[in-house]
Amino acid sequence: MEYTNNPELNASATYQFWCWKHKLQGVMQLLSLLSGYVYSEADADTVAYGLHPTNADKHQSFEYDLTSTHGQCRVILALDENNRDIVFVATIASTALQERIQFLARLQELLKTIEVDFT
């Protein structure tokens, strides 16, 4: 599946996952950190605005470019049609950067399984 007309990005690795909408800005900040992109409040506003009309089931998505000093990273976002609190995320990034993204996603999944008793 081609996400862009840029052949260099099409040759890059793709990784897909979902997150809760209220955690999306944190995910975007982590992806920015990995790519070296300086993610600002203006970026957060643009992403929030661009996400609103999306629908994953109808293939309506919003793309955001986080390419910077550490590598190329394009993020494709879409809300779930039935549960508007779920965001589907696809990252298209250089191989080295994609390995870091996958590591963080696996770490997040592992941390979800850990139960902490604060009593």
Protein backbone atom coordinates (compact mmCIF):
# COMPACT_ATOMS: atom_id res chain seq x y z
CA MET A 1 0.00 0.00 0.00
CA GLU A 2 1.49 3.34 -1.03
CA TYR A 3 1.01 6.15 1.44
CA THR A 4 2.82 8.86 -0.49
CA ASN A 5 4.26 9.70 -3.89
CA ASN A 6 7.74 9.96 -2.38
CA PRO A 7 9.57 6.72 -3.38
CA GLU A 8 12.07 7.12 -0.55
CA LEU A 9 9.30 6.97 2.05
CA ASN A 10 7.57 4.11 0.23
CA ALA A 11 10.80 2.11 0.52
CA SER A 12 10.86 2.69 4.27
CA ALA A 13 9.41 0.39 6.90
CA THR A 14 5.80 0.79 8.04
CA TYR A 15 4.49 0.04 11.52
CA GLN A 16 0.84 0.23 12.56
CA PHE A 17 -0.78 0.36 15.98
CA TRP A 18 -3.60 2.08 17.80
CA CYS A 19 -3.76 4.28 20.86
CA TRP A 20 -6.37 6.06 22.92
CA LYS A 21 -7.17 9.54 21.64
CA HIS A 22 -6.26 11.16 24.96
CA LYS A 23 -2.76 9.65 24.66
CA LEU A 24 -2.14 10.70 21.06
CA GLN A 25 -0.21 13.89 21.85
CA GLY A 26 2.18 11.90 24.04
CA VAL A 27 2.68 9.39 21.23
CA MET A 28 3.36 12.24 18.79
CA GLN A 29 5.89 13.76 21.21
CA LEU A 30 7.71 10.42 21.53
CA LEU A 31 7.81 9.98 17.76
CA SER A 32 9.12 13.53 17.45
CA LEU A 33 11.81 12.84 20.01
CA LEU A 34 12.94 9.78 18.05
CA SER A 35 13.11 11.67 14.75
CA GLY A 36 14.65 14.82 16.23
CA TYR A 37 11.60 16.92 15.36
CA VAL A 38 10.77 19.78 17.72
CA TYR A 39 7.06 19.20 18.43
CA SER A 40 5.32 22.40 19.52
CA GLU A 41 1.92 23.45 20.77
CA ALA A 42 1.13 24.59 17.22
CA ASP A 43 1.86 21.05 16.00
CA ALA A 44 -0.45 19.62 18.66
CA ASP A 45 -3.23 21.98 17.58
CA THR A 46 -2.73 21.06 13.91
CA VAL A 47 -2.87 17.33 14.68
CA ALA A 48 -5.99 17.71 16.84
CA TYR A 49 -7.73 19.75 14.12
CA GLY A 50 -6.64 17.40 11.32
CA LEU A 51 -7.73 14.30 13.21
CA HIS A 52 -11.32 15.45 13.73
CA PRO A 53 -12.77 14.63 10.25
CA THR A 54 -10.94 11.29 9.86
CA ASN A 55 -12.52 7.85 9.71
CA ALA A 56 -10.41 4.68 9.54
CA ASP A 57 -13.26 2.54 8.18
CA LYS A 58 -13.78 4.95 5.27
CA HIS A 59 -10.01 5.33 4.65
CA GLN A 60 -10.12 9.02 5.56
CA SER A 61 -6.85 9.83 7.27
CA PHE A 62 -4.64 12.72 8.28
CA GLU A 63 -0.91 12.71 7.53
CA TYR A 64 1.72 14.55 9.54
CA ASP A 65 5.41 14.76 8.76
CA LEU A 66 7.84 14.48 11.70
CA THR A 67 10.95 14.13 9.55
CA SER A 68 13.98 15.79 11.09
CA THR A 69 17.64 15.33 11.99
CA HIS A 70 17.44 11.67 13.10
CA GLY A 71 15.48 10.37 10.14
CA GLN A 72 12.31 10.38 8.16
CA CYS A 73 9.04 9.80 9.95
CA ARG A 74 5.59 10.30 8.49
CA VAL A 75 2.56 9.59 10.66
CA ILE A 76 -0.86 8.67 9.30
CA LEU A 77 -3.76 9.03 11.75
CA ALA A 78 -7.44 8.08 11.64
CA LEU A 79 -10.18 7.80 14.23
CA ASP A 80 -12.19 4.60 14.53
CA GLU A 81 -15.69 5.04 13.08
CA ASN A 82 -17.51 3.38 15.97
CA ASN A 83 -15.31 4.41 18.87
CA ARG A 84 -14.09 7.95 18.36
CA ASP A 85 -11.72 7.52 21.32
CA ILE A 86 -9.45 5.12 19.38
CA VAL A 87 -6.82 6.44 16.96
CA PHE A 88 -5.21 4.19 14.39
CA VAL A 89 -1.59 5.18 13.82
CA ALA A 90 0.68 4.17 10.96
CA THR A 91 4.30 5.28 10.90
CA ILE A 92 6.39 5.28 7.76
CA ALA A 93 10.00 5.79 8.73
CA SER A 94 13.56 4.90 7.89
CA THR A 95 14.49 1.40 9.02
CA ALA A 96 16.65 2.47 11.98
CA LEU A 97 13.97 4.84 13.24
CA GLN A 98 11.26 2.24 12.72
CA GLU A 99 13.15 -0.23 14.91
CA ARG A 100 13.06 2.32 17.75
CA ILE A 101 9.35 2.92 17.20
CA GLN A 102 8.63 -0.81 17.37
CA PHE A 103 10.73 -1.13 20.53
CA LEU A 104 8.74 1.62 22.24
CA ALA A 105 5.43 0.07 21.15
CA ARG A 106 6.47 -3.32 22.54
CA LEU A 107 7.65 -1.71 25.77
CA GLN A 108 4.30 0.05 26.12
CA GLU A 109 2.47 -3.26 25.63
CA LEU A 110 4.67 -4.89 28.27
CA LEU A 111 4.06 -2.08 30.74
CA LYS A 112 0.30 -2.53 30.33
CA THR A 113 0.61 -6.07 31.71
CA ILE A 114 2.43 -5.08 34.89
CA GLU A 115 0.18 -4.71 37.90
CA VAL A 116 1.33 -2.36 40.62
CA ASP A 117 -0.07 -2.50 44.13
CA PHE A 118 0.47 0.79 45.93
CA THR A 119 -1.04 -0.37 49.21
